[in-house]
Protein backbone atom coordinates (compact mmCIF):
# COMPACT_ATOMS: atom_id res chain seq x y z
CA UNK A 1 120.25 51.07 13.27
CA UNK A 2 122.83 53.32 14.93
CA UNK A 3 123.64 52.55 18.56
CA UNK A 4 125.98 55.35 19.64
CA UNK A 5 129.56 54.99 20.80
CA UNK A 6 130.65 51.88 22.71
CA UNK A 7 133.99 51.66 24.52
CA UNK A 8 136.05 49.03 22.69
CA UNK A 9 139.65 49.45 23.83
CA UNK A 10 142.23 51.88 25.13
CA UNK A 11 144.57 53.77 22.89
CA UNK A 12 148.15 52.65 23.38
CA UNK A 13 149.63 49.44 24.70
CA UNK A 14 147.75 49.18 28.01
CA UNK A 15 144.92 46.74 28.58
CA UNK A 16 141.28 47.81 28.60
CA UNK A 17 139.33 47.19 31.79
CA UNK A 18 136.01 48.56 30.57
CA UNK A 19 136.18 50.99 33.47
CA UNK A 20 134.13 54.15 33.82
CA UNK A 21 133.74 57.02 36.24
CA UNK A 22 130.62 58.30 37.99
CA UNK A 23 129.55 61.95 37.81
CA UNK A 24 126.44 63.77 39.04
CA UNK A 25 123.93 64.59 36.29
CA UNK A 26 123.39 68.34 35.98
CA UNK A 27 120.09 68.72 34.11
CA UNK A 28 117.57 66.24 35.50
CA UNK A 29 114.86 66.97 32.90
CA UNK A 30 116.93 65.87 29.88
CA UNK A 31 117.37 62.24 28.80
CA UNK A 32 120.88 60.96 28.11
CA UNK A 33 121.17 57.82 26.00
CA UNK A 34 123.71 55.02 26.19
CA UNK A 35 126.49 55.74 23.70
CA UNK A 36 125.72 59.46 23.61
CA UNK A 37 128.34 62.13 24.25
CA UNK A 38 128.32 64.06 27.51
CA UNK A 39 129.96 67.25 28.73
CA UNK A 40 130.72 68.61 32.19
CA UNK A 41 129.01 71.93 32.89
CA UNK A 42 130.75 74.11 35.48
CA UNK A 43 128.74 74.25 38.70
CA UNK A 44 126.17 71.77 37.36
CA UNK A 45 127.34 68.29 36.39
CA UNK A 46 127.23 65.96 33.41
CA UNK A 47 124.84 66.96 30.64
CA UNK A 48 124.03 65.61 27.20
CA UNK A 49 126.31 66.92 24.42
CA UNK A 50 124.26 67.00 21.24
CA UNK A 51 127.04 67.95 18.82
CA UNK A 52 130.65 67.10 19.72
CA UNK A 53 132.98 69.54 17.94
CA UNK A 54 136.74 69.46 17.63
CA UNK A 55 138.51 72.57 18.87
CA UNK A 56 136.00 73.21 21.65
CA UNK A 57 137.19 70.67 24.27
CA UNK A 58 133.62 69.87 25.29
CA UNK A 59 133.43 66.06 25.07
CA UNK A 60 134.00 64.60 28.53
CA UNK A 61 133.07 61.10 27.44
CA UNK A 62 130.27 58.72 26.57
CA UNK A 63 127.37 57.59 28.77
CA UNK A 64 127.44 53.85 29.54
CA UNK A 65 124.72 53.84 32.21
CA UNK A 66 123.05 55.80 35.00
CA UNK A 67 121.45 55.57 38.43
CA UNK A 68 118.90 57.90 40.01
CA UNK A 69 116.14 58.11 42.60
CA UNK A 70 112.64 58.52 41.18
CA UNK A 71 109.82 60.57 42.73
CA UNK A 72 108.65 57.53 44.79
CA UNK A 73 112.09 57.24 46.39
CA UNK A 74 113.09 54.11 44.44
CA UNK A 75 116.69 53.80 43.29
CA UNK A 76 116.77 53.03 39.57
CA UNK A 77 119.58 51.82 37.32
CA UNK A 78 119.50 51.98 33.55
CA UNK A 79 121.63 51.91 30.48
CA UNK A 80 120.25 55.39 29.79
CA UNK A 81 119.00 58.23 32.00
CA UNK A 82 115.24 58.78 31.52
CA UNK A 83 115.29 62.56 31.97
CA UNK A 84 112.35 62.91 34.38
CA UNK A 85 112.69 66.30 36.09
CA UNK A 86 111.30 65.01 39.43
CA UNK A 87 114.20 62.55 39.79
CA UNK A 88 116.91 63.21 42.35
CA UNK A 89 120.41 61.94 43.14
CA UNK A 90 121.05 61.21 39.46
CA UNK A 91 124.51 59.99 38.42
CA UNK A 92 126.00 59.14 35.02
CA UNK A 93 128.49 56.33 34.42
CA UNK A 94 130.91 57.75 31.84
CA UNK A 95 133.61 56.19 29.68
CA UNK A 96 136.09 59.05 29.38
CA UNK A 97 136.88 60.34 25.88
CA UNK A 98 140.62 60.54 26.49
CA UNK A 99 142.59 57.42 25.52
CA UNK A 100 139.49 55.36 24.70
CA UNK A 101 138.82 53.68 21.38
CA UNK A 102 135.09 53.48 20.62
CA UNK A 103 133.04 51.30 18.30
CA UNK A 104 130.39 53.18 16.32
CA UNK A 105 128.29 52.63 13.23
CA UNK A 106 129.41 54.40 10.07
CA UNK A 107 127.01 55.88 7.56
CA UNK A 108 128.65 54.70 4.31
CA UNK A 109 130.68 51.68 3.19
CA UNK A 110 134.27 51.64 4.49
CA UNK A 111 137.22 52.28 2.19
CA UNK A 112 140.90 52.35 3.12
CA UNK A 113 141.02 56.14 2.60
CA UNK A 114 138.80 56.56 5.72
CA UNK A 115 141.64 55.49 8.07
CA UNK A 116 143.22 58.39 9.95
CA UNK A 117 140.66 60.97 8.78
CA UNK A 118 138.44 63.02 11.15
CA UNK A 119 134.69 62.87 10.51
CA UNK A 120 131.55 64.47 11.89
CA UNK A 121 128.78 62.76 13.82
CA UNK A 122 125.07 62.46 13.14
CA UNK A 123 122.21 61.70 15.48
CA UNK A 124 120.96 63.83 18.35
CA UNK A 125 118.61 61.62 20.36
CA UNK A 126 118.02 57.95 21.05
CA UNK A 127 115.49 55.21 21.70
CA UNK A 128 113.55 54.98 24.95
CA UNK A 129 112.92 51.31 24.07
CA UNK A 130 116.57 50.21 23.72
CA UNK A 131 118.13 53.10 25.66
CA UNK A 132 120.71 53.51 22.89
CA UNK A 133 121.83 56.77 21.31
CA UNK A 134 121.33 57.23 17.57
CA UNK A 135 124.79 58.78 17.19
CA UNK A 136 126.79 57.55 14.18
CA UNK A 137 130.08 58.49 12.49
CA UNK A 138 129.47 60.16 9.15
CA UNK A 139 132.54 58.61 7.52
CA UNK A 140 132.73 60.35 4.19
CA UNK A 141 131.67 63.76 5.59
CA UNK A 142 134.81 65.62 6.56
CA UNK A 143 134.40 68.89 8.43
CA UNK A 144 136.76 71.51 9.83
CA UNK A 145 135.69 70.63 13.40
CA UNK A 146 135.14 66.89 12.95
CA UNK A 147 135.56 65.18 16.35
CA UNK A 148 136.10 61.49 15.47
CA UNK A 149 139.15 59.95 13.80
CA UNK A 150 138.58 56.59 12.13
CA UNK A 151 141.20 54.03 13.16
CA UNK A 152 139.83 51.03 11.29
CA UNK A 153 136.77 49.00 10.41
CA UNK A 154 135.79 46.17 12.78
CA UNK A 155 137.29 43.06 11.18
CA UNK A 156 134.68 40.38 11.73
CA UNK A 157 134.21 39.24 8.14
CA UNK A 158 131.04 41.30 7.64
CA UNK A 159 131.82 44.93 8.45
CA UNK A 160 134.36 45.60 5.69
CA UNK A 161 131.66 45.09 3.04
CA UNK A 162 128.67 46.52 4.95
CA UNK A 163 126.89 49.67 3.75
CA UNK A 164 126.86 50.84 7.39
CA UNK A 165 130.00 49.30 8.91
CA UNK A 166 131.04 49.28 12.54
CA UNK A 167 134.11 51.50 12.88
CA UNK A 168 136.79 51.90 15.53
CA UNK A 169 137.26 55.60 16.30
CA UNK A 170 138.73 57.93 18.88
CA UNK A 171 138.12 61.59 19.66
CA UNK A 172 140.59 64.14 18.32
CA UNK A 173 142.49 65.75 21.18
CA UNK A 174 140.95 69.19 20.61
CA UNK A 175 137.43 67.77 21.19
CA UNK A 176 138.21 66.24 24.59
CA UNK A 177 137.23 67.99 27.83
CA UNK A 178 139.82 67.16 30.48
CA UNK A 179 138.30 65.87 33.71
CA UNK A 180 139.77 64.44 36.86
CA UNK A 181 137.93 61.32 37.74
C-alpha cells in the first residue's frame, strides 16, 4: 500500500534534522494527506498539489502533519489535515522539496537502470484511517515533465527484490517552488 513521500535525508553532505516549516492552509475544505505534495497559492496559503509536474515550479514540499481549530474551538493535531470547511486557524507542517531526499513506494520492481531517471507520480488522495497519501513513484513510466528522480532503492535486504520497492527520490529542480521559510 502506497504511503506518500516521507523525508529521509538531505541532499548533500549536511546532516538531516527532520525539520519542517509551518504554513497557513489556504483551502480549509480540502483534505491534505501525510506524504502528499503541497503548493503555495499566492494570497491564500498551502494547498494540496494533486499532480506535481517538472517545469512548473509548483511543489513547495510534502505535508508531514497539521494543526487546526475545529468548529467547537478545540485545537487539533494530526498527521493529515481533515479538510472540514468549518475549521479555522489551520496550519500545515511541511518538509520542503528543495534539498530533501524522500522515501516513497515504487510501482514496479527496481532495476539499476532506474537510478538517475525522472519518473511521474501516481495517486491523488489518501486514507482517512491512516492519514497517509496514496502517492507513489511510477518508476518505469518516464514522462517529459516527470518530477521525481530516483536516487536508489532502500537497501534493507528486502526492497531490492520487492515488486513495489521503497525508493529514495528527490524532486527535479524545475518542479520545486521556492519558498522562504
